[in-house]
Amino acid sequence: MELSIDETDRRILRALQRDAGLSADALAEAVGMSRNACWRRVKQLEASGVIARRVALVDPEAVGMGLSVFVLLRTSQHDADWLTKFERAVRSMPEIVSAHRMAGDIDYILRVRIGSMKEYDNFYQRLITRVPVSEISASFVMDDIKDTTELPV
């Protein structure tokens, strides 16, 4: 089901991206609609896949995962077997919060959330035993200047 997004939908999406826990009444008030009309719009956005899911954003510091690391990988292997192994490893390691195949000099970028350098070393050792890589380097985030899940709709 394809849905055409208008400015009303965009207001709803902006509000829900800031706080997906808004009550139907609070959301309707925030976007200037009646409760029922707003609720129908939300249901249409969900049914069409525009709203993929609603989640709680957890403070990484509060749960002992305050260290954010970007892991840059290069591989000399680009066959299906390697890719299957790599994808399996990425999906099985909960510290990896995002993984991206890249164009350019780097083949893959992983974003990893952990609590300490010792935990990173443990993660690194487990990763390189699961999948062979040609080069691996890590960049540790010193300060999150901007880190958002909100899309500019």
Protein backbone atom coordinates (compact mmCIF):
# COMPACT_ATOMS: atom_id res chain seq x y z
CA MET A 1 0.00 0.00 0.00
CA GLU A 2 1.66 3.22 -1.14
CA LEU A 3 0.87 6.39 0.72
CA SER A 4 1.35 9.96 -0.42
CA ILE A 5 2.92 11.97 2.41
CA ASP A 6 1.50 15.45 2.93
CA GLU A 7 2.39 18.20 5.41
CA THR A 8 -0.03 16.83 8.02
CA ASP A 9 1.70 13.44 7.85
CA ARG A 10 5.05 15.20 8.15
CA ARG A 11 3.90 17.00 11.32
CA ILE A 12 2.81 13.65 12.77
CA LEU A 13 6.13 12.04 11.83
CA ARG A 14 8.15 14.88 13.35
CA ALA A 15 6.18 14.67 16.60
CA LEU A 16 6.46 10.88 16.82
CA GLN A 17 10.19 10.96 16.07
CA ARG A 18 10.65 13.27 19.05
CA ASP A 19 8.39 11.20 21.32
CA ALA A 20 6.78 7.97 20.10
CA GLY A 21 5.13 7.59 23.51
CA LEU A 22 2.74 10.49 23.01
CA SER A 23 -0.86 9.61 23.77
CA ALA A 24 -3.31 9.85 20.89
CA ASP A 25 -4.77 12.99 22.48
CA ALA A 26 -1.37 14.65 22.96
CA LEU A 27 -0.29 13.80 19.41
CA ALA A 28 -3.53 15.14 17.95
CA GLU A 29 -3.13 18.36 19.90
CA ALA A 30 0.53 18.71 18.87
CA VAL A 31 -0.33 18.45 15.17
CA GLY A 32 -3.62 20.37 15.30
CA MET A 33 -6.04 17.55 14.44
CA SER A 34 -8.93 15.71 16.01
CA ARG A 35 -7.96 12.58 17.92
CA ASN A 36 -9.73 10.19 15.50
CA ALA A 37 -8.41 11.82 12.33
CA CYS A 38 -4.89 11.82 13.74
CA TRP A 39 -5.16 8.17 14.84
CA ARG A 40 -6.34 7.16 11.33
CA ARG A 41 -3.32 8.94 9.83
CA VAL A 42 -0.95 7.16 12.21
CA LYS A 43 -2.50 3.80 11.34
CA GLN A 44 -2.14 4.56 7.60
CA LEU A 45 1.51 5.53 8.12
CA GLU A 46 2.10 2.25 9.97
CA ALA A 47 0.23 0.11 7.43
CA SER A 48 2.17 1.64 4.52
CA GLY A 49 5.51 1.07 6.25
CA VAL A 50 6.37 4.76 6.59
CA ILE A 51 6.40 4.18 10.34
CA ALA A 52 8.47 1.01 10.54
CA ARG A 53 8.24 0.59 14.32
CA ARG A 54 8.14 2.55 17.56
CA VAL A 55 11.01 2.14 19.99
CA ALA A 56 12.44 3.48 23.23
CA LEU A 57 15.83 5.16 22.95
CA VAL A 58 18.01 4.02 25.83
CA ASP A 59 20.74 6.26 27.25
CA PRO A 60 23.97 4.30 26.55
CA GLU A 61 25.73 5.77 29.62
CA ALA A 62 22.89 4.63 31.88
CA VAL A 63 23.34 1.01 30.80
CA GLY A 64 27.14 0.94 30.81
CA MET A 65 27.68 1.30 27.06
CA GLY A 66 28.97 4.83 26.89
CA LEU A 67 31.86 4.12 24.52
CA SER A 68 30.93 4.51 20.85
CA VAL A 69 33.35 3.14 18.27
CA PHE A 70 33.40 3.29 14.49
CA VAL A 71 35.15 0.20 13.14
CA LEU A 72 36.46 0.49 9.58
CA LEU A 73 36.99 -2.76 7.69
CA ARG A 74 38.62 -3.72 4.43
CA THR A 75 38.51 -7.18 2.99
CA SER A 76 40.25 -8.80 0.06
CA GLN A 77 37.45 -11.35 -0.16
CA HIS A 78 34.22 -10.32 -1.87
CA ASP A 79 32.67 -13.72 -2.51
CA ALA A 80 29.26 -14.92 -1.31
CA ASP A 81 30.71 -17.23 1.35
CA TRP A 82 32.67 -14.41 2.99
CA LEU A 83 29.66 -12.10 2.88
CA THR A 84 27.45 -14.76 4.47
CA LYS A 85 30.01 -15.27 7.26
CA PHE A 86 30.35 -11.53 7.77
CA GLU A 87 26.59 -10.91 7.90
CA ARG A 88 26.16 -13.81 10.33
CA ALA A 89 28.90 -12.41 12.58
CA VAL A 90 27.45 -8.88 12.48
CA ARG A 91 23.94 -10.07 13.30
CA SER A 92 25.15 -12.25 16.19
CA MET A 93 27.17 -9.55 17.94
CA PRO A 94 24.82 -7.25 19.87
CA GLU A 95 27.54 -4.64 20.40
CA ILE A 96 27.26 -3.80 16.69
CA VAL A 97 24.41 -1.31 16.52
CA SER A 98 24.82 -0.55 12.82
CA ALA A 99 26.74 -1.98 9.89
CA HIS A 100 27.10 -0.51 6.42
CA ARG A 101 28.67 -1.69 3.15
CA MET A 102 30.43 1.27 1.62
CA ALA A 103 31.62 2.53 -1.74
CA GLY A 104 35.14 3.92 -1.80
CA ASP A 105 38.26 3.04 0.20
CA ILE A 106 36.52 1.35 3.12
CA ASP A 107 34.45 -1.77 2.51
CA TYR A 108 32.40 -1.74 5.74
CA ILE A 109 31.76 0.59 8.65
CA LEU A 110 30.43 -0.76 11.93
CA ARG A 111 29.15 1.32 14.82
CA VAL A 112 29.80 -0.47 18.07
CA ARG A 113 28.53 0.38 21.56
CA ILE A 114 30.52 -0.92 24.51
CA GLY A 115 31.53 0.10 28.02
CA SER A 116 35.33 0.13 27.95
CA MET A 117 38.52 -0.37 25.97
CA LYS A 118 38.81 -3.86 27.47
CA GLU A 119 35.33 -4.67 26.13
CA TYR A 120 36.40 -3.32 22.72
CA ASP A 121 39.43 -5.62 22.73
CA ASN A 122 37.17 -8.57 23.56
CA PHE A 123 34.80 -7.56 20.75
CA TYR A 124 37.72 -7.17 18.32
CA GLN A 125 39.10 -10.63 19.16
CA ARG A 126 35.69 -12.26 18.67
CA LEU A 127 35.10 -10.45 15.36
CA ILE A 128 38.43 -11.39 13.76
CA THR A 129 38.00 -15.06 14.75
CA ARG A 130 34.59 -15.15 13.05
CA VAL A 131 35.48 -13.50 9.77
CA PRO A 132 38.82 -12.80 8.08
CA VAL A 133 39.53 -9.14 7.26
CA SER A 134 42.45 -7.52 5.43
CA GLU A 135 42.50 -4.34 7.51
CA ILE A 136 40.63 -3.18 10.57
CA SER A 137 40.87 0.11 12.42
CA ALA A 138 38.80 1.78 15.09
CA SER A 139 37.94 5.38 15.80
CA PHE A 140 36.66 6.12 19.29
CA VAL A 141 34.06 8.84 19.69
CA MET A 142 35.24 11.57 22.04
CA ASP A 143 32.06 13.66 21.93
CA ASP A 144 28.68 13.22 20.27
CA ILE A 145 28.12 16.60 18.66
CA LYS A 146 24.98 15.34 16.96
CA ASP A 147 23.53 11.86 17.21
CA THR A 148 19.89 11.57 16.28
CA THR A 149 17.41 9.09 14.91
CA GLU A 150 15.14 11.88 13.61
CA LEU A 151 14.83 12.19 9.84
CA PRO A 152 14.27 15.73 8.52
CA VAL A 153 10.75 15.12 7.18
